[in-house]
Amino acid sequence: MDILSIIGLVLALNAILVGAVLKGAGLMALVSAAAFMIVVVGTLAAICIQTPLPVMQRALKIFPWVLRPPVRDGRLLLDCRTLTGGECAEVAAAVHACR
């Protein structure tokens, strides 16, 4: 997990907890089935409405990258303009196999 992911998660949790305390609702107000349905399920529904299916499938496929980003191999970065059509397809297949 990279440092920005950790910082983002810590900031998000702090914002939720401090916001609840400042409002005077207390931390137990965050443990509510109704609040969960409104916030989490409502957010997921809005995302599903707005996002095309192929984009959602790709996002779900690469979501684990938030916790463990893929290893980048600089040797696979080739300029296909210098390759023939068959070589470019071969490189693309090799890169796809690495994912």
N, C-alpha and C. Protein backbone atom coordinates (compact mmCIF):
# COMPACT_ATOMS: atom_id res chain seq x y z
N MET A 1 0.86 -1.16 0.00
CA MET A 1 0.00 0.00 0.00
C MET A 1 0.91 1.23 0.00
N ASP A 2 0.62 2.17 -0.87
CA ASP A 2 1.46 3.36 -0.93
C ASP A 2 1.04 4.37 0.14
N ILE A 3 1.88 5.34 0.36
CA ILE A 3 1.69 6.29 1.46
C ILE A 3 0.44 7.14 1.27
N LEU A 4 0.11 7.50 0.04
CA LEU A 4 -1.08 8.33 -0.18
C LEU A 4 -2.37 7.57 0.13
N SER A 5 -2.39 6.27 -0.12
CA SER A 5 -3.56 5.47 0.25
C SER A 5 -3.73 5.44 1.76
N ILE A 6 -2.63 5.28 2.47
CA ILE A 6 -2.70 5.25 3.93
C ILE A 6 -3.15 6.60 4.47
N ILE A 7 -2.58 7.68 3.94
CA ILE A 7 -2.97 9.03 4.38
C ILE A 7 -4.45 9.28 4.09
N GLY A 8 -4.91 8.88 2.92
CA GLY A 8 -6.32 9.07 2.57
C GLY A 8 -7.26 8.31 3.49
N LEU A 9 -6.92 7.07 3.82
CA LEU A 9 -7.76 6.30 4.73
C LEU A 9 -7.78 6.90 6.13
N VAL A 10 -6.63 7.33 6.61
CA VAL A 10 -6.56 7.94 7.94
C VAL A 10 -7.36 9.24 7.98
N LEU A 11 -7.21 10.07 6.95
CA LEU A 11 -7.96 11.33 6.90
C LEU A 11 -9.47 11.08 6.83
N ALA A 12 -9.88 10.11 6.05
CA ALA A 12 -11.31 9.80 5.93
C ALA A 12 -11.89 9.34 7.26
N LEU A 13 -11.19 8.43 7.93
CA LEU A 13 -11.67 7.95 9.24
C LEU A 13 -11.71 9.07 10.27
N ASN A 14 -10.68 9.91 10.28
CA ASN A 14 -10.67 11.04 11.20
C ASN A 14 -11.81 12.01 10.91
N ALA A 15 -12.07 12.29 9.66
CA ALA A 15 -13.15 13.21 9.32
C ALA A 15 -14.50 12.68 9.80
N ILE A 16 -14.73 11.40 9.64
CA ILE A 16 -15.99 10.80 10.08
C ILE A 16 -16.12 10.84 11.59
N LEU A 17 -15.08 10.41 12.29
CA LEU A 17 -15.13 10.35 13.75
C LEU A 17 -15.21 11.75 14.38
N VAL A 18 -14.36 12.66 13.94
CA VAL A 18 -14.37 14.01 14.49
C VAL A 18 -15.67 14.72 14.15
N GLY A 19 -16.17 14.52 12.94
CA GLY A 19 -17.44 15.14 12.56
C GLY A 19 -18.59 14.68 13.45
N ALA A 20 -18.62 13.39 13.77
CA ALA A 20 -19.68 12.87 14.64
C ALA A 20 -19.57 13.44 16.04
N VAL A 21 -18.35 13.54 16.54
CA VAL A 21 -18.15 14.07 17.89
C VAL A 21 -18.48 15.57 17.94
N LEU A 22 -18.04 16.32 16.95
CA LEU A 22 -18.32 17.76 16.92
C LEU A 22 -19.81 18.05 16.81
N LYS A 23 -20.52 17.22 16.11
CA LYS A 23 -21.96 17.40 15.99
C LYS A 23 -22.67 17.06 17.29
N GLY A 24 -22.00 16.33 18.15
CA GLY A 24 -22.58 15.95 19.42
C GLY A 24 -23.37 14.65 19.34
N ALA A 25 -23.24 13.95 18.21
CA ALA A 25 -24.00 12.72 18.02
C ALA A 25 -23.33 11.55 18.74
N GLY A 26 -22.05 11.64 19.01
CA GLY A 26 -21.33 10.53 19.64
C GLY A 26 -20.94 9.49 18.60
N LEU A 27 -20.05 8.63 19.00
CA LEU A 27 -19.55 7.61 18.08
C LEU A 27 -20.57 6.51 17.80
N MET A 28 -21.48 6.26 18.74
CA MET A 28 -22.48 5.21 18.53
C MET A 28 -23.48 5.58 17.43
N ALA A 29 -23.59 6.85 17.11
CA ALA A 29 -24.48 7.26 16.03
C ALA A 29 -23.98 6.73 14.68
N LEU A 30 -22.70 6.39 14.61
CA LEU A 30 -22.14 5.86 13.37
C LEU A 30 -22.49 4.39 13.17
N VAL A 31 -22.91 3.72 14.24
CA VAL A 31 -23.27 2.30 14.16
C VAL A 31 -24.78 2.20 14.07
N SER A 32 -25.28 2.40 12.88
CA SER A 32 -26.72 2.40 12.66
C SER A 32 -27.01 1.76 11.31
N ALA A 33 -27.93 0.82 11.31
CA ALA A 33 -28.28 0.15 10.05
C ALA A 33 -28.89 1.14 9.06
N ALA A 34 -29.70 2.05 9.54
CA ALA A 34 -30.32 3.04 8.65
C ALA A 34 -29.26 3.95 8.03
N ALA A 35 -28.31 4.41 8.85
CA ALA A 35 -27.25 5.26 8.32
C ALA A 35 -26.40 4.50 7.31
N PHE A 36 -26.13 3.24 7.60
CA PHE A 36 -25.36 2.41 6.67
C PHE A 36 -26.07 2.29 5.32
N MET A 37 -27.36 2.01 5.37
CA MET A 37 -28.14 1.86 4.13
C MET A 37 -28.13 3.15 3.33
N ILE A 38 -28.34 4.26 4.00
CA ILE A 38 -28.41 5.53 3.29
C ILE A 38 -27.06 5.89 2.68
N VAL A 39 -26.01 5.79 3.46
CA VAL A 39 -24.71 6.25 2.99
C VAL A 39 -24.04 5.24 2.07
N VAL A 40 -23.82 4.03 2.54
CA VAL A 40 -23.03 3.06 1.78
C VAL A 40 -23.81 2.51 0.59
N VAL A 41 -25.01 2.01 0.84
CA VAL A 41 -25.78 1.43 -0.26
C VAL A 41 -26.21 2.51 -1.25
N GLY A 42 -26.55 3.69 -0.74
CA GLY A 42 -26.90 4.80 -1.64
C GLY A 42 -25.74 5.22 -2.51
N THR A 43 -24.55 5.26 -1.94
CA THR A 43 -23.36 5.60 -2.72
C THR A 43 -23.08 4.54 -3.78
N LEU A 44 -23.17 3.27 -3.41
CA LEU A 44 -22.96 2.20 -4.40
C LEU A 44 -24.00 2.25 -5.52
N ALA A 45 -25.24 2.55 -5.16
CA ALA A 45 -26.29 2.66 -6.18
C ALA A 45 -26.01 3.82 -7.13
N ALA A 46 -25.57 4.96 -6.59
CA ALA A 46 -25.25 6.11 -7.44
C ALA A 46 -24.09 5.80 -8.37
N ILE A 47 -23.09 5.08 -7.86
CA ILE A 47 -21.95 4.68 -8.69
C ILE A 47 -22.41 3.76 -9.81
N CYS A 48 -23.27 2.80 -9.48
CA CYS A 48 -23.77 1.86 -10.50
C CYS A 48 -24.59 2.56 -11.57
N ILE A 49 -25.37 3.55 -11.18
CA ILE A 49 -26.18 4.29 -12.14
C ILE A 49 -25.30 5.09 -13.09
N GLN A 50 -24.24 5.70 -12.57
CA GLN A 50 -23.41 6.61 -13.34
C GLN A 50 -22.36 5.90 -14.20
N THR A 51 -21.91 4.70 -13.79
CA THR A 51 -20.75 4.06 -14.42
C THR A 51 -21.17 2.99 -15.41
N PRO A 52 -20.63 3.04 -16.64
CA PRO A 52 -20.91 1.96 -17.59
C PRO A 52 -20.34 0.63 -17.09
N LEU A 53 -20.96 -0.47 -17.49
CA LEU A 53 -20.57 -1.80 -17.01
C LEU A 53 -19.10 -2.13 -17.28
N PRO A 54 -18.56 -1.90 -18.48
CA PRO A 54 -17.14 -2.25 -18.69
C PRO A 54 -16.20 -1.46 -17.77
N VAL A 55 -16.54 -0.21 -17.50
CA VAL A 55 -15.71 0.60 -16.62
C VAL A 55 -15.78 0.06 -15.19
N MET A 56 -16.98 -0.31 -14.75
CA MET A 56 -17.15 -0.86 -13.40
C MET A 56 -16.40 -2.19 -13.27
N GLN A 57 -16.46 -3.03 -14.29
CA GLN A 57 -15.75 -4.31 -14.23
C GLN A 57 -14.24 -4.08 -14.13
N ARG A 58 -13.73 -3.14 -14.90
CA ARG A 58 -12.29 -2.83 -14.85
C ARG A 58 -11.91 -2.26 -13.49
N ALA A 59 -12.75 -1.38 -12.95
CA ALA A 59 -12.46 -0.78 -11.64
C ALA A 59 -12.42 -1.85 -10.55
N LEU A 60 -13.37 -2.79 -10.59
CA LEU A 60 -13.38 -3.86 -9.60
C LEU A 60 -12.19 -4.79 -9.76
N LYS A 61 -11.75 -4.97 -11.01
CA LYS A 61 -10.60 -5.84 -11.26
C LYS A 61 -9.31 -5.24 -10.71
N ILE A 62 -9.17 -3.93 -10.83
CA ILE A 62 -7.92 -3.30 -10.38
C ILE A 62 -8.02 -2.71 -8.98
N PHE A 63 -9.16 -2.87 -8.31
CA PHE A 63 -9.31 -2.35 -6.94
C PHE A 63 -8.25 -2.86 -5.98
N PRO A 64 -7.83 -4.13 -6.06
CA PRO A 64 -6.76 -4.59 -5.15
C PRO A 64 -5.45 -3.81 -5.30
N TRP A 65 -5.28 -3.08 -6.40
CA TRP A 65 -4.07 -2.28 -6.58
C TRP A 65 -3.97 -1.19 -5.52
N VAL A 66 -5.09 -0.80 -4.90
CA VAL A 66 -5.05 0.20 -3.84
C VAL A 66 -4.19 -0.31 -2.69
N LEU A 67 -4.35 -1.59 -2.37
CA LEU A 67 -3.60 -2.18 -1.27
C LEU A 67 -2.24 -2.71 -1.69
N ARG A 68 -2.17 -3.22 -2.91
CA ARG A 68 -0.91 -3.79 -3.40
C ARG A 68 -0.75 -3.44 -4.88
N PRO A 69 -0.08 -2.32 -5.17
CA PRO A 69 0.09 -1.91 -6.57
C PRO A 69 0.90 -2.94 -7.35
N PRO A 70 0.65 -3.04 -8.66
CA PRO A 70 1.41 -4.00 -9.47
C PRO A 70 2.87 -3.57 -9.58
N VAL A 71 3.73 -4.56 -9.76
CA VAL A 71 5.16 -4.29 -9.93
C VAL A 71 5.36 -3.81 -11.36
N ARG A 72 6.06 -2.72 -11.49
CA ARG A 72 6.33 -2.18 -12.83
C ARG A 72 7.69 -2.66 -13.30
N ASP A 73 7.71 -3.23 -14.48
CA ASP A 73 8.95 -3.72 -15.07
C ASP A 73 9.27 -2.82 -16.26
N GLY A 74 10.29 -2.00 -16.13
CA GLY A 74 10.65 -1.06 -17.17
C GLY A 74 11.04 -1.71 -18.48
N ARG A 75 11.45 -2.98 -18.42
CA ARG A 75 11.85 -3.67 -19.65
C ARG A 75 10.66 -3.92 -20.56
N LEU A 76 9.43 -3.88 -20.00
CA LEU A 76 8.26 -4.13 -20.82
C LEU A 76 7.75 -2.87 -21.51
N LEU A 77 8.35 -1.73 -21.20
CA LEU A 77 7.94 -0.48 -21.82
C LEU A 77 8.65 -0.33 -23.16
N LEU A 78 7.96 -0.71 -24.20
CA LEU A 78 8.52 -0.65 -25.55
C LEU A 78 7.67 0.26 -26.41
N ASP A 79 8.29 0.87 -27.37
CA ASP A 79 7.59 1.72 -28.31
C ASP A 79 7.17 0.86 -29.50
N CYS A 80 5.88 0.57 -29.62
CA CYS A 80 5.40 -0.32 -30.68
C CYS A 80 5.58 0.28 -32.07
N ARG A 81 5.88 1.58 -32.16
CA ARG A 81 6.11 2.17 -33.48
C ARG A 81 7.37 1.63 -34.13
N THR A 82 8.31 1.11 -33.32
CA THR A 82 9.56 0.59 -33.86
C THR A 82 9.46 -0.90 -34.17
N LEU A 83 8.33 -1.52 -33.84
CA LEU A 83 8.17 -2.95 -34.06
C LEU A 83 7.27 -3.21 -35.26
N THR A 84 7.39 -4.39 -35.82
CA THR A 84 6.47 -4.78 -36.88
C THR A 84 5.14 -5.15 -36.24
N GLY A 85 4.11 -5.32 -37.05
CA GLY A 85 2.78 -5.65 -36.53
C GLY A 85 2.78 -6.93 -35.70
N GLY A 86 3.46 -7.96 -36.16
CA GLY A 86 3.52 -9.22 -35.43
C GLY A 86 4.28 -9.10 -34.12
N GLU A 87 5.38 -8.34 -34.15
CA GLU A 87 6.15 -8.15 -32.93
C GLU A 87 5.36 -7.37 -31.88
N CYS A 88 4.62 -6.36 -32.35
CA CYS A 88 3.81 -5.55 -31.44
C CYS A 88 2.74 -6.42 -30.78
N ALA A 89 2.10 -7.28 -31.55
CA ALA A 89 1.08 -8.17 -31.00
C ALA A 89 1.69 -9.16 -30.00
N GLU A 90 2.90 -9.62 -30.31
CA GLU A 90 3.59 -10.55 -29.40
C GLU A 90 3.92 -9.87 -28.07
N VAL A 91 4.39 -8.63 -28.12
CA VAL A 91 4.70 -7.87 -26.90
C VAL A 91 3.41 -7.62 -26.11
N ALA A 92 2.36 -7.24 -26.82
CA ALA A 92 1.07 -6.99 -26.15
C ALA A 92 0.57 -8.24 -25.45
N ALA A 93 0.71 -9.40 -26.08
CA ALA A 93 0.28 -10.66 -25.46
C ALA A 93 1.14 -10.97 -24.24
N ALA A 94 2.44 -10.70 -24.31
CA ALA A 94 3.31 -10.96 -23.17
C ALA A 94 2.98 -10.05 -22.00
N VAL A 95 2.68 -8.79 -22.30
CA VAL A 95 2.31 -7.85 -21.24
C VAL A 95 1.00 -8.27 -20.62
N HIS A 96 0.05 -8.66 -21.47
CA HIS A 96 -1.26 -9.09 -20.95
C HIS A 96 -1.11 -10.34 -20.07
N ALA A 97 -0.21 -11.23 -20.42
CA ALA A 97 0.00 -12.46 -19.64
C ALA A 97 0.61 -12.13 -18.27
N CYS A 98 1.33 -11.03 -18.17
CA CYS A 98 1.96 -10.63 -16.90
C CYS A 98 0.95 -10.06 -15.92
N ARG A 99 -0.21 -9.64 -16.39
CA ARG A 99 -1.19 -8.99 -15.51
C ARG A 99 -1.94 -9.98 -14.76
